[in-house]
Structure formats: C-alpha cells, structure tokens
C-alpha cells in the first residue's frame, strides 16, 4: 500500500459508514454547456460543448447555512483530443485557501491547484453570475434557479501570477438529480484532465487521487 493510500484510507471508512460522499455530500447534478469566449489557442484548451456538472455543499450543512461551495463539471473533449476533462472547484480566497460562503453568488470558486499545460502554469477560477431568488447557501435555491432558467458561471484563467481573463461561460440548464445513490457521478481531475493538462504539483495530485479513489470505493461508486 502506498503512502497516499495509507494517508487517505480514513476517507474510505468514512464513506462506507455514511454510504455517501465524505466531502460535498449535498448537491445537484446538472446538465448544460460551456462556451469558450477566449480566443482559440490562448491559454487552456477549453472548447465549447455539452457538460455534466454538480453544484454542492462541501460539509453538507443543513438548509441555507454557510458552507464551502463546490462546483464541478465534465467536458467530453478539449482542443487537443476527444478525452474527458473534469474540473473541480471550491469557494476560496487567494487562489489556494478554502473559504466558506453564505451564498452561491458571493463565492469565488478556485481549483486550489494550478494546471500545467504545454510548459505553462495556469489557474482557473469561476463565479456564479445568476442571481438566485433565495438567500443563503441552500441546494434548493439552485434547484429553483434551474427550474426558472439557467444557472450561469463566468470562468476565468490566469497564467502564473498574471491577471485573470475571461475563458468561458458555463451554463447549467436543467437538474438531472440530487443526492440519491444512483445519481452519484464521481468527478476526478486526477484521472480525467484532458489530453495534455495536468494538475500540479505531482505529489499533491497523487495524494488527491488516492483520496478520491478511497472515497469512491467506500461508498460503492464506480
């Protein structure tokens, strides 16, 4: 057993006990699209297309209570190949520091880890640009927003320590399902990161990969 597996083994036990995700247990699985707004060839190889995503609460606090807000989505290809690419983000500050939030639109979402692509180092962040009718961090508010129209995010990229610029618009159009076991869609950027994109640094990616794997195995998700 590797050190990464040993370190993250409690996640497997925790997921088995709860029969659900240890992190981000409450959320909404959504279908939508991503539309590239940056010039082609500038920065990360995001292309326009259909996505499946999830908007979630990190600790699963009840109702509208504050929590860490989560955002994940899967693209079916990038500019380099027909290879799935998962992106996971969480509410944060200063790119790498987790930060709880009181509402979905108030959060700034970050990958927390930079992405390597063709010799460059990039950061991704996003923010919800759709106002929701309900206050607080309620999953029901997201469902209501999807029932009324789209829930949109502005996605930005930065190279190294440079400024963030617009990359894409992420639009979720409908809810697929909630927290039922059959709706457990695992997103894992450590194994699905496009054709040439990698999470950095490598040692943290290995630890994160083991954590995701143990969590999936613990709750019986594929």
Protein backbone atom coordinates (compact mmCIF):
# COMPACT_ATOMS: atom_id res chain seq x y z
CA UNK A 1 0.00 0.00 0.00
CA UNK A 2 1.37 3.39 -0.98
CA UNK A 3 1.76 6.29 1.44
CA UNK A 4 -1.01 8.14 -0.42
CA UNK A 5 -3.40 5.20 0.03
CA UNK A 6 -2.48 4.84 3.69
CA UNK A 7 -2.94 8.55 4.37
CA UNK A 8 -6.36 8.69 2.73
CA UNK A 9 -7.72 5.35 4.00
CA UNK A 10 -9.96 7.06 6.61
CA UNK A 11 -11.93 8.56 3.72
CA UNK A 12 -12.81 5.05 2.58
CA UNK A 13 -14.02 4.12 6.04
CA UNK A 14 -15.94 7.38 6.41
CA UNK A 15 -17.67 6.98 3.07
CA UNK A 16 -18.59 3.38 3.92
CA UNK A 17 -20.10 4.42 7.25
CA UNK A 18 -22.12 7.23 5.71
CA UNK A 19 -22.82 5.36 2.44
CA UNK A 20 -22.28 8.68 0.72
CA UNK A 21 -19.56 11.20 -0.10
CA UNK A 22 -17.36 12.35 2.78
CA UNK A 23 -16.95 15.75 1.13
CA UNK A 24 -19.63 17.61 -0.83
CA UNK A 25 -22.40 15.18 0.17
CA UNK A 26 -25.27 17.55 -0.75
CA UNK A 27 -25.70 18.92 -4.23
CA UNK A 28 -27.45 18.96 -7.58
CA UNK A 29 -26.27 17.10 -10.67
CA UNK A 30 -26.88 19.31 -13.71
CA UNK A 31 -26.68 19.26 -17.49
CA UNK A 32 -25.57 22.24 -19.54
CA UNK A 33 -23.00 23.72 -21.86
CA UNK A 34 -19.68 25.51 -21.77
CA UNK A 35 -18.96 28.25 -24.29
CA UNK A 36 -15.40 29.42 -24.88
CA UNK A 37 -15.05 33.21 -25.02
CA UNK A 38 -11.24 33.46 -25.04
CA UNK A 39 -9.53 33.44 -28.45
CA UNK A 40 -8.69 29.94 -29.69
CA UNK A 41 -5.19 28.87 -28.71
CA UNK A 42 -4.96 31.38 -25.86
CA UNK A 43 -4.34 29.57 -22.60
CA UNK A 44 -6.05 26.35 -21.56
CA UNK A 45 -7.61 24.15 -24.29
CA UNK A 46 -11.26 24.54 -23.25
CA UNK A 47 -13.67 24.17 -26.18
CA UNK A 48 -17.40 24.80 -26.43
CA UNK A 49 -19.66 21.80 -25.89
CA UNK A 50 -22.02 19.91 -23.59
CA UNK A 51 -21.16 19.35 -19.93
CA UNK A 52 -22.43 17.49 -16.90
CA UNK A 53 -21.78 19.26 -13.62
CA UNK A 54 -22.57 19.43 -9.94
CA UNK A 55 -23.15 22.34 -7.56
CA UNK A 56 -22.67 21.22 -3.97
CA UNK A 57 -22.07 21.98 -0.30
CA UNK A 58 -18.67 20.84 0.96
CA UNK A 59 -19.56 19.82 4.51
CA UNK A 60 -23.24 19.25 3.85
CA UNK A 61 -24.54 21.76 6.40
CA UNK A 62 -28.35 21.75 6.55
CA UNK A 63 -30.63 24.18 4.76
CA UNK A 64 -29.21 27.59 3.89
CA UNK A 65 -26.41 27.56 6.47
CA UNK A 66 -22.94 28.70 5.30
CA UNK A 67 -20.59 26.07 3.94
CA UNK A 68 -17.83 25.55 1.40
CA UNK A 69 -19.49 25.89 -2.00
CA UNK A 70 -18.45 23.35 -4.64
CA UNK A 71 -18.56 23.49 -8.42
CA UNK A 72 -17.63 20.59 -10.72
CA UNK A 73 -18.12 19.86 -14.38
CA UNK A 74 -17.03 17.37 -17.03
CA UNK A 75 -16.21 18.30 -20.61
CA UNK A 76 -16.18 15.46 -23.15
CA UNK A 77 -13.20 16.80 -25.10
CA UNK A 78 -10.64 19.57 -25.28
CA UNK A 79 -8.85 21.30 -28.13
CA UNK A 80 -6.28 18.51 -28.36
CA UNK A 81 -8.32 15.28 -28.30
CA UNK A 82 -11.62 13.56 -27.59
CA UNK A 83 -10.67 12.97 -23.95
CA UNK A 84 -12.90 13.74 -20.92
CA UNK A 85 -11.78 16.57 -18.65
CA UNK A 86 -13.09 17.05 -15.10
CA UNK A 87 -12.75 20.38 -13.31
CA UNK A 88 -13.38 20.68 -9.55
CA UNK A 89 -13.62 23.99 -7.74
CA UNK A 90 -14.44 25.15 -4.22
CA UNK A 91 -15.08 28.53 -2.63
CA UNK A 92 -11.76 30.11 -1.77
CA UNK A 93 -9.67 33.20 -1.38
CA UNK A 94 -6.17 33.96 -2.67
CA UNK A 95 -6.46 31.02 -5.13
CA UNK A 96 -5.41 28.33 -2.63
CA UNK A 97 -7.21 28.99 0.68
CA UNK A 98 -10.58 27.34 1.36
CA UNK A 99 -13.23 29.83 2.41
CA UNK A 100 -16.83 29.17 3.48
CA UNK A 101 -19.53 31.34 1.96
CA UNK A 102 -23.04 32.49 2.85
CA UNK A 103 -24.45 32.38 -0.68
CA UNK A 104 -23.73 30.82 -4.07
CA UNK A 105 -23.21 34.10 -6.00
CA UNK A 106 -20.96 35.52 -3.27
CA UNK A 107 -18.40 32.73 -3.64
CA UNK A 108 -15.26 32.84 -5.72
CA UNK A 109 -14.51 29.30 -6.87
CA UNK A 110 -10.96 28.03 -7.44
CA UNK A 111 -9.32 24.74 -8.42
CA UNK A 112 -6.93 25.32 -5.45
CA UNK A 113 -4.20 23.63 -7.51
CA UNK A 114 -2.64 25.08 -10.66
CA UNK A 115 -2.83 23.33 -14.02
CA UNK A 116 0.12 22.58 -16.24
CA UNK A 117 -0.30 22.86 -19.99
CA UNK A 118 2.42 22.86 -22.65
CA UNK A 119 5.07 24.32 -20.38
CA UNK A 120 2.80 26.92 -18.81
CA UNK A 121 1.21 27.05 -15.37
CA UNK A 122 -2.41 28.21 -15.23
CA UNK A 123 -5.03 28.93 -12.61
CA UNK A 124 -8.79 28.61 -13.02
CA UNK A 125 -11.49 30.41 -11.10
CA UNK A 126 -15.22 30.97 -11.51
CA UNK A 127 -18.13 32.90 -10.06
CA UNK A 128 -21.87 32.49 -10.34
CA UNK A 129 -23.40 35.34 -12.32
CA UNK A 130 -27.05 34.28 -12.00
CA UNK A 131 -28.91 35.86 -9.08
CA UNK A 132 -30.90 33.30 -7.11
CA UNK A 133 -34.24 34.08 -5.54
CA UNK A 134 -33.46 32.62 -2.12
CA UNK A 135 -30.85 33.88 0.32
CA UNK A 136 -28.24 31.67 1.91
CA UNK A 137 -26.44 28.57 0.68
CA UNK A 138 -29.41 26.33 0.03
CA UNK A 139 -29.28 23.49 -2.50
CA UNK A 140 -32.99 24.07 -3.05
CA UNK A 141 -32.17 27.59 -4.26
CA UNK A 142 -30.03 26.06 -7.00
CA UNK A 143 -32.85 23.69 -7.99
CA UNK A 144 -35.27 26.62 -8.12
CA UNK A 145 -32.84 28.60 -10.27
CA UNK A 146 -32.56 25.71 -12.72
CA UNK A 147 -36.33 25.33 -12.84
CA UNK A 148 -36.67 29.04 -13.67
CA UNK A 149 -33.92 29.19 -16.30
CA UNK A 150 -30.16 28.72 -16.47
CA UNK A 151 -27.58 29.00 -13.70
CA UNK A 152 -24.50 30.60 -15.22
CA UNK A 153 -20.87 30.91 -14.17
CA UNK A 154 -18.11 33.09 -15.59
CA UNK A 155 -14.91 31.03 -15.85
CA UNK A 156 -11.54 32.81 -15.90
CA UNK A 157 -7.92 31.76 -16.35
CA UNK A 158 -4.59 33.25 -15.36
CA UNK A 159 -1.11 32.26 -16.45
CA UNK A 160 1.24 32.06 -13.48
CA UNK A 161 0.84 35.12 -11.27
CA UNK A 162 -0.67 37.15 -14.09
CA UNK A 163 -4.15 38.67 -14.13
CA UNK A 164 -7.29 36.64 -14.67
CA UNK A 165 -9.05 37.00 -18.01
CA UNK A 166 -12.30 35.58 -19.37
CA UNK A 167 -12.06 31.99 -20.58
CA UNK A 168 -15.61 30.62 -20.88
CA UNK A 169 -19.23 30.81 -19.79
CA UNK A 170 -20.59 27.74 -18.01
CA UNK A 171 -24.38 27.43 -18.21
CA UNK A 172 -26.36 24.76 -16.40
CA UNK A 173 -29.78 24.32 -18.00
CA UNK A 174 -31.54 21.61 -16.01
CA UNK A 175 -31.22 19.47 -12.91
CA UNK A 176 -30.62 15.77 -13.51
CA UNK A 177 -30.95 14.52 -9.93
CA UNK A 178 -29.86 15.13 -6.37
CA UNK A 179 -28.21 13.01 -3.68
CA UNK A 180 -29.75 9.62 -4.50
CA UNK A 181 -27.14 6.80 -4.70
CA UNK A 182 -27.94 6.19 -8.36
CA UNK A 183 -27.08 9.83 -9.08
CA UNK A 184 -23.57 9.61 -7.63
CA UNK A 185 -21.45 10.93 -10.50
CA UNK A 186 -17.79 10.97 -9.38
CA UNK A 187 -15.72 13.82 -10.78
CA UNK A 188 -11.97 13.26 -10.59
CA UNK A 189 -9.49 15.66 -12.24
CA UNK A 190 -6.58 13.47 -11.16
CA UNK A 191 -7.58 10.82 -13.73
CA UNK A 192 -9.57 12.94 -16.19
CA UNK A 193 -7.80 16.17 -17.05
CA UNK A 194 -7.91 16.31 -20.83
CA UNK A 195 -5.19 15.23 -23.24
CA UNK A 196 -2.25 17.38 -22.13
CA UNK A 197 -3.44 19.17 -18.98
CA UNK A 198 -2.02 18.06 -15.62
CA UNK A 199 -2.66 19.04 -12.01
CA UNK A 200 0.34 20.46 -10.18
CA UNK A 201 2.31 19.59 -8.11
CA UNK A 202 2.65 15.86 -8.78
CA UNK A 203 2.93 14.78 -5.12
CA UNK A 204 -0.31 16.52 -4.19
CA UNK A 205 -2.03 15.08 -7.25
CA UNK A 206 -1.06 11.56 -6.11
CA UNK A 207 -2.45 12.21 -2.63
CA UNK A 208 -5.66 13.63 -4.06
CA UNK A 209 -6.05 10.71 -6.49
CA UNK A 210 -5.84 8.23 -3.61
CA UNK A 211 -8.35 10.27 -1.61
CA UNK A 212 -10.90 10.26 -4.41
CA UNK A 213 -10.39 6.55 -5.06
CA UNK A 214 -10.83 5.59 -1.42
CA UNK A 215 -13.95 7.74 -1.13
CA UNK A 216 -15.47 6.10 -4.24
CA UNK A 217 -14.64 2.60 -3.05
CA UNK A 218 -16.00 3.32 0.41
CA UNK A 219 -19.41 4.35 -0.86
CA UNK A 220 -19.52 1.83 -3.71
CA UNK A 221 -19.39 4.38 -6.55
CA UNK A 222 -17.85 3.46 -9.89
